[in-house]
Amino acid sequence: MALDAHLAELSEKHRALDRKIEEELARPTADDLKIAEWKRQKLRLKDEMERLKHQKSH
């Protein structure tokens, strides 16, 4: 059960970063460096979620 809770937490963080990126892109003076860093964070979260899902299925 703890694994499911951790996956849910990572998924929520991933969605929150999505929202931050969308909000930043909507600004006329979007900060490309912030966006790039948030995208890297999203990829790390996605990789971690995939690793945990794989671990869960074994």
N, C-alpha and C. Protein backbone atom coordinates (compact mmCIF):
# COMPACT_ATOMS: atom_id res chain seq x y z
N MET A 1 0.82 -1.21 0.00
CA MET A 1 0.00 0.00 0.00
C MET A 1 0.86 1.26 0.00
N ALA A 2 1.99 1.23 0.68
CA ALA A 2 2.86 2.41 0.73
C ALA A 2 3.36 2.76 -0.66
N LEU A 3 3.58 1.75 -1.48
CA LEU A 3 4.04 1.98 -2.85
C LEU A 3 2.98 2.73 -3.65
N ASP A 4 1.73 2.35 -3.50
CA ASP A 4 0.64 3.04 -4.19
C ASP A 4 0.54 4.49 -3.75
N ALA A 5 0.71 4.73 -2.47
CA ALA A 5 0.65 6.10 -1.95
C ALA A 5 1.81 6.93 -2.50
N HIS A 6 2.98 6.32 -2.58
CA HIS A 6 4.14 7.03 -3.12
C HIS A 6 3.93 7.34 -4.61
N LEU A 7 3.39 6.38 -5.35
CA LEU A 7 3.09 6.61 -6.77
C LEU A 7 2.08 7.74 -6.94
N ALA A 8 1.07 7.76 -6.10
CA ALA A 8 0.06 8.82 -6.17
C ALA A 8 0.68 10.18 -5.87
N GLU A 9 1.58 10.22 -4.90
CA GLU A 9 2.26 11.48 -4.56
C GLU A 9 3.12 11.96 -5.72
N LEU A 10 3.87 11.04 -6.33
CA LEU A 10 4.71 11.41 -7.48
C LEU A 10 3.85 11.89 -8.65
N SER A 11 2.73 11.23 -8.85
CA SER A 11 1.82 11.61 -9.93
C SER A 11 1.26 13.02 -9.72
N GLU A 12 0.93 13.33 -8.49
CA GLU A 12 0.42 14.67 -8.18
C GLU A 12 1.50 15.73 -8.40
N LYS A 13 2.73 15.42 -8.00
CA LYS A 13 3.83 16.36 -8.24
C LYS A 13 4.03 16.58 -9.73
N HIS A 14 3.89 15.51 -10.52
CA HIS A 14 4.03 15.59 -11.97
C HIS A 14 2.96 16.51 -12.55
N ARG A 15 1.72 16.35 -12.09
CA ARG A 15 0.61 17.21 -12.56
C ARG A 15 0.83 18.67 -12.15
N ALA A 16 1.34 18.87 -10.94
CA ALA A 16 1.59 20.23 -10.47
C ALA A 16 2.65 20.92 -11.33
N LEU A 17 3.68 20.18 -11.70
CA LEU A 17 4.69 20.75 -12.58
C LEU A 17 4.10 21.07 -13.95
N ASP A 18 3.22 20.21 -14.43
CA ASP A 18 2.52 20.48 -15.70
C ASP A 18 1.79 21.82 -15.63
N ARG A 19 1.08 22.03 -14.54
CA ARG A 19 0.33 23.28 -14.37
C ARG A 19 1.28 24.48 -14.32
N LYS A 20 2.38 24.35 -13.58
CA LYS A 20 3.35 25.45 -13.48
C LYS A 20 3.91 25.79 -14.86
N ILE A 21 4.23 24.76 -15.64
CA ILE A 21 4.77 24.98 -16.98
C ILE A 21 3.74 25.68 -17.86
N GLU A 22 2.50 25.21 -17.82
CA GLU A 22 1.45 25.84 -18.62
C GLU A 22 1.25 27.30 -18.22
N GLU A 23 1.25 27.57 -16.92
CA GLU A 23 1.07 28.95 -16.45
C GLU A 23 2.23 29.83 -16.91
N GLU A 24 3.44 29.30 -16.83
CA GLU A 24 4.61 30.08 -17.23
C GLU A 24 4.59 30.34 -18.74
N LEU A 25 4.21 29.34 -19.51
CA LEU A 25 4.16 29.50 -20.96
C LEU A 25 3.10 30.52 -21.37
N ALA A 26 2.08 30.70 -20.56
CA ALA A 26 1.02 31.65 -20.88
C ALA A 26 1.46 33.09 -20.64
N ARG A 27 2.53 33.27 -19.90
CA ARG A 27 3.02 34.63 -19.63
C ARG A 27 3.77 35.16 -20.86
N PRO A 28 3.63 36.44 -21.13
CA PRO A 28 4.34 37.02 -22.28
C PRO A 28 5.87 36.95 -22.14
N THR A 29 6.35 36.98 -20.91
CA THR A 29 7.80 36.93 -20.67
C THR A 29 8.16 35.62 -19.97
N ALA A 30 7.77 34.52 -20.55
CA ALA A 30 8.01 33.21 -19.95
C ALA A 30 9.51 32.99 -19.72
N ASP A 31 9.84 32.42 -18.59
CA ASP A 31 11.23 32.14 -18.22
C ASP A 31 11.61 30.75 -18.75
N ASP A 32 12.37 30.74 -19.83
CA ASP A 32 12.75 29.48 -20.46
C ASP A 32 13.58 28.59 -19.55
N LEU A 33 14.40 29.19 -18.71
CA LEU A 33 15.23 28.39 -17.80
C LEU A 33 14.38 27.67 -16.76
N LYS A 34 13.38 28.38 -16.22
CA LYS A 34 12.45 27.75 -15.27
C LYS A 34 11.73 26.59 -15.94
N ILE A 35 11.23 26.85 -17.13
CA ILE A 35 10.47 25.83 -17.85
C ILE A 35 11.34 24.60 -18.11
N ALA A 36 12.56 24.82 -18.55
CA ALA A 36 13.47 23.70 -18.82
C ALA A 36 13.73 22.90 -17.54
N GLU A 37 13.94 23.58 -16.42
CA GLU A 37 14.19 22.88 -15.16
C GLU A 37 12.96 22.09 -14.74
N TRP A 38 11.77 22.67 -14.86
CA TRP A 38 10.54 21.96 -14.50
C TRP A 38 10.33 20.74 -15.39
N LYS A 39 10.68 20.87 -16.67
CA LYS A 39 10.54 19.72 -17.58
C LYS A 39 11.51 18.60 -17.18
N ARG A 40 12.72 18.97 -16.76
CA ARG A 40 13.67 17.95 -16.27
C ARG A 40 13.13 17.28 -15.02
N GLN A 41 12.53 18.06 -14.12
CA GLN A 41 11.94 17.49 -12.91
C GLN A 41 10.81 16.52 -13.27
N LYS A 42 9.99 16.92 -14.25
CA LYS A 42 8.90 16.04 -14.68
C LYS A 42 9.44 14.72 -15.21
N LEU A 43 10.52 14.78 -16.00
CA LEU A 43 11.10 13.55 -16.53
C LEU A 43 11.65 12.66 -15.42
N ARG A 44 12.29 13.27 -14.42
CA ARG A 44 12.79 12.49 -13.29
C ARG A 44 11.63 11.81 -12.55
N LEU A 45 10.54 12.56 -12.35
CA LEU A 45 9.37 11.98 -11.68
C LEU A 45 8.79 10.83 -12.49
N LYS A 46 8.68 11.03 -13.80
CA LYS A 46 8.13 9.99 -14.67
C LYS A 46 9.00 8.74 -14.63
N ASP A 47 10.33 8.93 -14.69
CA ASP A 47 11.24 7.79 -14.60
C ASP A 47 11.07 7.05 -13.28
N GLU A 48 10.96 7.80 -12.20
CA GLU A 48 10.78 7.18 -10.88
C GLU A 48 9.45 6.42 -10.81
N MET A 49 8.38 7.02 -11.36
CA MET A 49 7.08 6.33 -11.36
C MET A 49 7.15 5.04 -12.16
N GLU A 50 7.79 5.07 -13.32
CA GLU A 50 7.92 3.87 -14.14
C GLU A 50 8.72 2.79 -13.41
N ARG A 51 9.80 3.21 -12.74
CA ARG A 51 10.60 2.25 -11.98
C ARG A 51 9.78 1.60 -10.87
N LEU A 52 9.00 2.41 -10.17
CA LEU A 52 8.18 1.87 -9.07
C LEU A 52 7.06 0.97 -9.60
N LYS A 53 6.46 1.34 -10.73
CA LYS A 53 5.42 0.50 -11.32
C LYS A 53 6.00 -0.85 -11.73
N HIS A 54 7.20 -0.81 -12.30
CA HIS A 54 7.86 -2.05 -12.71
C HIS A 54 8.18 -2.91 -11.48
N GLN A 55 8.65 -2.26 -10.42
CA GLN A 55 8.97 -2.95 -9.18
C GLN A 55 7.71 -3.56 -8.58
N LYS A 56 6.61 -2.84 -8.67
CA LYS A 56 5.33 -3.29 -8.11
C LYS A 56 4.83 -4.55 -8.82
N SER A 57 5.06 -4.61 -10.14
CA SER A 57 4.53 -5.72 -10.91
C SER A 57 5.35 -7.00 -10.75
N HIS A 58 6.48 -6.91 -10.07
CA HIS A 58 7.30 -8.11 -9.89
C HIS A 58 7.25 -8.63 -8.49
